[in-house]
Amino acid sequence: MMAPSSEHLLVSHEAYRWFVTIVTGGASSYWLFIDSFRLRKALRADRSKGVVRDQIFGSIVGLTIGAIGVLGAVLSLS
């Protein structure tokens, strides 16, 4: 099976790369915003409860995932 020629592509490789970078960076930024809000909310709650400690841990994991996504989007531009 032959690869499609560039004349049959819907968008250029560069346009597709920008689209994926913007979508990934946007979703990761949104994820960072939401998890930072959830973390602040959980830190104000009673930390002696196991559920609150789980929420704090989950928010930290979410912040890490969001930061990796933003970093990946930024590094893909270089």
N, C-alpha and C. Protein backbone atom coordinates (compact mmCIF):
# COMPACT_ATOMS: atom_id res chain seq x y z
N MET A 1 0.85 -1.18 0.00
CA MET A 1 0.00 0.00 0.00
C MET A 1 0.89 1.24 0.00
N MET A 2 0.62 2.13 -0.88
CA MET A 2 1.45 3.33 -1.01
C MET A 2 0.95 4.44 -0.08
N ALA A 3 1.88 5.23 0.38
CA ALA A 3 1.53 6.39 1.20
C ALA A 3 0.87 7.44 0.32
N PRO A 4 -0.09 8.19 0.88
CA PRO A 4 -0.75 9.21 0.06
C PRO A 4 0.23 10.34 -0.25
N SER A 5 0.09 10.89 -1.43
CA SER A 5 0.94 12.01 -1.80
C SER A 5 0.45 13.27 -1.10
N SER A 6 1.28 14.27 -1.05
CA SER A 6 0.93 15.50 -0.35
C SER A 6 -0.24 16.23 -0.99
N GLU A 7 -0.51 15.96 -2.24
CA GLU A 7 -1.62 16.64 -2.90
C GLU A 7 -2.97 16.08 -2.48
N HIS A 8 -2.99 14.90 -1.83
CA HIS A 8 -4.24 14.31 -1.38
C HIS A 8 -4.49 14.51 0.12
N LEU A 9 -3.62 15.19 0.81
CA LEU A 9 -3.80 15.43 2.23
C LEU A 9 -4.79 16.56 2.46
N LEU A 10 -5.59 16.46 3.52
CA LEU A 10 -6.56 17.52 3.83
C LEU A 10 -5.87 18.78 4.35
N VAL A 11 -4.89 18.57 5.21
CA VAL A 11 -4.13 19.70 5.75
C VAL A 11 -2.65 19.35 5.68
N SER A 12 -1.83 20.36 5.76
CA SER A 12 -0.38 20.12 5.72
C SER A 12 0.09 19.52 7.04
N HIS A 13 1.26 18.94 7.00
CA HIS A 13 1.85 18.38 8.21
C HIS A 13 2.03 19.46 9.27
N GLU A 14 2.46 20.62 8.87
CA GLU A 14 2.69 21.72 9.82
C GLU A 14 1.38 22.19 10.46
N ALA A 15 0.31 22.28 9.67
CA ALA A 15 -0.99 22.69 10.21
C ALA A 15 -1.51 21.65 11.20
N TYR A 16 -1.35 20.38 10.86
CA TYR A 16 -1.78 19.32 11.76
C TYR A 16 -0.98 19.35 13.06
N ARG A 17 0.31 19.57 12.96
CA ARG A 17 1.17 19.65 14.15
C ARG A 17 0.75 20.80 15.05
N TRP A 18 0.45 21.96 14.47
CA TRP A 18 -0.01 23.11 15.26
C TRP A 18 -1.36 22.80 15.91
N PHE A 19 -2.26 22.17 15.19
CA PHE A 19 -3.57 21.83 15.73
C PHE A 19 -3.43 20.92 16.95
N VAL A 20 -2.64 19.86 16.83
CA VAL A 20 -2.45 18.91 17.93
C VAL A 20 -1.78 19.60 19.11
N THR A 21 -0.81 20.47 18.84
CA THR A 21 -0.13 21.19 19.92
C THR A 21 -1.09 22.11 20.66
N ILE A 22 -1.93 22.82 19.93
CA ILE A 22 -2.87 23.75 20.55
C ILE A 22 -3.93 22.99 21.36
N VAL A 23 -4.43 21.91 20.81
CA VAL A 23 -5.44 21.12 21.53
C VAL A 23 -4.84 20.50 22.79
N THR A 24 -3.64 19.94 22.68
CA THR A 24 -2.98 19.33 23.83
C THR A 24 -2.65 20.37 24.89
N GLY A 25 -2.09 21.49 24.46
CA GLY A 25 -1.76 22.55 25.41
C GLY A 25 -3.00 23.13 26.07
N GLY A 26 -4.08 23.28 25.30
CA GLY A 26 -5.32 23.80 25.87
C GLY A 26 -5.94 22.86 26.88
N ALA A 27 -6.00 21.59 26.54
CA ALA A 27 -6.56 20.60 27.47
C ALA A 27 -5.72 20.48 28.73
N SER A 28 -4.40 20.53 28.57
CA SER A 28 -3.51 20.44 29.73
C SER A 28 -3.63 21.68 30.62
N SER A 29 -3.76 22.84 30.01
CA SER A 29 -3.92 24.07 30.78
C SER A 29 -5.23 24.04 31.57
N TYR A 30 -6.29 23.58 30.91
CA TYR A 30 -7.58 23.44 31.59
C TYR A 30 -7.46 22.46 32.75
N TRP A 31 -6.77 21.34 32.54
CA TRP A 31 -6.57 20.33 33.56
C TRP A 31 -5.81 20.94 34.75
N LEU A 32 -4.77 21.73 34.49
CA LEU A 32 -4.03 22.39 35.56
C LEU A 32 -4.93 23.32 36.36
N PHE A 33 -5.75 24.09 35.67
CA PHE A 33 -6.64 25.03 36.34
C PHE A 33 -7.62 24.30 37.25
N ILE A 34 -8.27 23.26 36.73
CA ILE A 34 -9.26 22.52 37.50
C ILE A 34 -8.63 21.85 38.71
N ASP A 35 -7.49 21.18 38.53
CA ASP A 35 -6.87 20.48 39.64
C ASP A 35 -6.26 21.43 40.67
N SER A 36 -5.81 22.61 40.25
CA SER A 36 -5.33 23.57 41.25
C SER A 36 -6.50 24.08 42.09
N PHE A 37 -7.65 24.26 41.46
CA PHE A 37 -8.86 24.66 42.20
C PHE A 37 -9.26 23.56 43.19
N ARG A 38 -9.26 22.31 42.72
CA ARG A 38 -9.64 21.18 43.59
C ARG A 38 -8.64 21.00 44.73
N LEU A 39 -7.36 21.23 44.45
CA LEU A 39 -6.35 21.09 45.50
C LEU A 39 -6.54 22.15 46.56
N ARG A 40 -6.77 23.40 46.16
CA ARG A 40 -7.00 24.46 47.14
C ARG A 40 -8.23 24.16 47.99
N LYS A 41 -9.27 23.65 47.36
CA LYS A 41 -10.49 23.29 48.09
C LYS A 41 -10.21 22.16 49.09
N ALA A 42 -9.46 21.15 48.67
CA ALA A 42 -9.16 20.02 49.55
C ALA A 42 -8.24 20.43 50.69
N LEU A 43 -7.33 21.37 50.45
CA LEU A 43 -6.42 21.80 51.51
C LEU A 43 -7.14 22.61 52.59
N ARG A 44 -8.27 23.21 52.23
CA ARG A 44 -9.06 23.94 53.23
C ARG A 44 -9.92 23.01 54.08
N ALA A 45 -10.13 21.78 53.62
CA ALA A 45 -10.97 20.82 54.34
C ALA A 45 -10.17 20.15 55.46
N ASP A 46 -10.85 19.33 56.24
CA ASP A 46 -10.25 18.61 57.37
C ASP A 46 -9.36 17.48 56.83
N ARG A 47 -8.05 17.65 56.98
CA ARG A 47 -7.10 16.68 56.41
C ARG A 47 -6.98 15.40 57.22
N SER A 48 -7.66 15.33 58.34
CA SER A 48 -7.60 14.08 59.12
C SER A 48 -8.48 12.99 58.50
N LYS A 49 -9.36 13.38 57.58
CA LYS A 49 -10.23 12.42 56.91
C LYS A 49 -9.51 11.79 55.72
N GLY A 50 -9.69 10.51 55.56
CA GLY A 50 -9.04 9.79 54.47
C GLY A 50 -9.48 10.24 53.09
N VAL A 51 -10.76 10.61 52.98
CA VAL A 51 -11.29 11.05 51.69
C VAL A 51 -10.59 12.34 51.24
N VAL A 52 -10.37 13.24 52.17
CA VAL A 52 -9.72 14.51 51.84
C VAL A 52 -8.27 14.27 51.44
N ARG A 53 -7.60 13.36 52.14
CA ARG A 53 -6.21 13.04 51.77
C ARG A 53 -6.15 12.41 50.38
N ASP A 54 -7.14 11.59 50.04
CA ASP A 54 -7.22 11.02 48.69
C ASP A 54 -7.44 12.11 47.64
N GLN A 55 -8.27 13.10 47.96
CA GLN A 55 -8.51 14.21 47.04
C GLN A 55 -7.23 15.02 46.83
N ILE A 56 -6.49 15.23 47.90
CA ILE A 56 -5.22 15.97 47.78
C ILE A 56 -4.26 15.19 46.89
N PHE A 57 -4.13 13.90 47.13
CA PHE A 57 -3.23 13.08 46.31
C PHE A 57 -3.67 13.08 44.85
N GLY A 58 -4.96 12.92 44.61
CA GLY A 58 -5.47 12.92 43.24
C GLY A 58 -5.23 14.25 42.53
N SER A 59 -5.38 15.35 43.26
CA SER A 59 -5.13 16.66 42.66
C SER A 59 -3.65 16.85 42.32
N ILE A 60 -2.78 16.35 43.17
CA ILE A 60 -1.34 16.45 42.90
C ILE A 60 -0.97 15.62 41.67
N VAL A 61 -1.55 14.44 41.55
CA VAL A 61 -1.32 13.62 40.36
C VAL A 61 -1.85 14.33 39.12
N GLY A 62 -3.03 14.92 39.22
CA GLY A 62 -3.61 15.65 38.11
C GLY A 62 -2.77 16.85 37.71
N LEU A 63 -2.23 17.57 38.69
CA LEU A 63 -1.34 18.70 38.39
C LEU A 63 -0.08 18.23 37.67
N THR A 64 0.44 17.09 38.09
CA THR A 64 1.63 16.54 37.44
C THR A 64 1.33 16.17 35.98
N ILE A 65 0.21 15.53 35.75
CA ILE A 65 -0.18 15.16 34.39
C ILE A 65 -0.39 16.40 33.52
N GLY A 66 -1.05 17.40 34.08
CA GLY A 66 -1.27 18.65 33.34
C GLY A 66 0.03 19.35 33.01
N ALA A 67 0.96 19.37 33.98
CA ALA A 67 2.26 20.01 33.74
C ALA A 67 3.04 19.28 32.65
N ILE A 68 2.98 17.96 32.65
CA ILE A 68 3.65 17.18 31.61
C ILE A 68 3.04 17.49 30.24
N GLY A 69 1.72 17.62 30.18
CA GLY A 69 1.06 17.95 28.92
C GLY A 69 1.45 19.33 28.40
N VAL A 70 1.47 20.32 29.29
CA VAL A 70 1.86 21.67 28.88
C VAL A 70 3.32 21.68 28.45
N LEU A 71 4.18 21.03 29.22
CA LEU A 71 5.60 20.97 28.87
C LEU A 71 5.81 20.28 27.52
N GLY A 72 5.08 19.21 27.28
CA GLY A 72 5.17 18.51 26.00
C GLY A 72 4.72 19.39 24.84
N ALA A 73 3.65 20.15 25.07
CA ALA A 73 3.17 21.04 24.00
C ALA A 73 4.17 22.14 23.71
N VAL A 74 4.78 22.67 24.76
CA VAL A 74 5.77 23.74 24.57
C VAL A 74 7.02 23.18 23.88
N LEU A 75 7.47 22.01 24.31
CA LEU A 75 8.67 21.44 23.72
C LEU A 75 8.45 20.99 22.28
N SER A 76 7.22 20.67 21.91
CA SER A 76 6.98 20.24 20.54
C SER A 76 7.08 21.41 19.56
N LEU A 77 7.02 22.62 20.07
CA LEU A 77 7.14 23.80 19.20
C LEU A 77 8.59 24.09 18.82
N SER A 78 9.51 23.57 19.60
CA SER A 78 10.93 23.86 19.32
C SER A 78 11.54 22.86 18.37
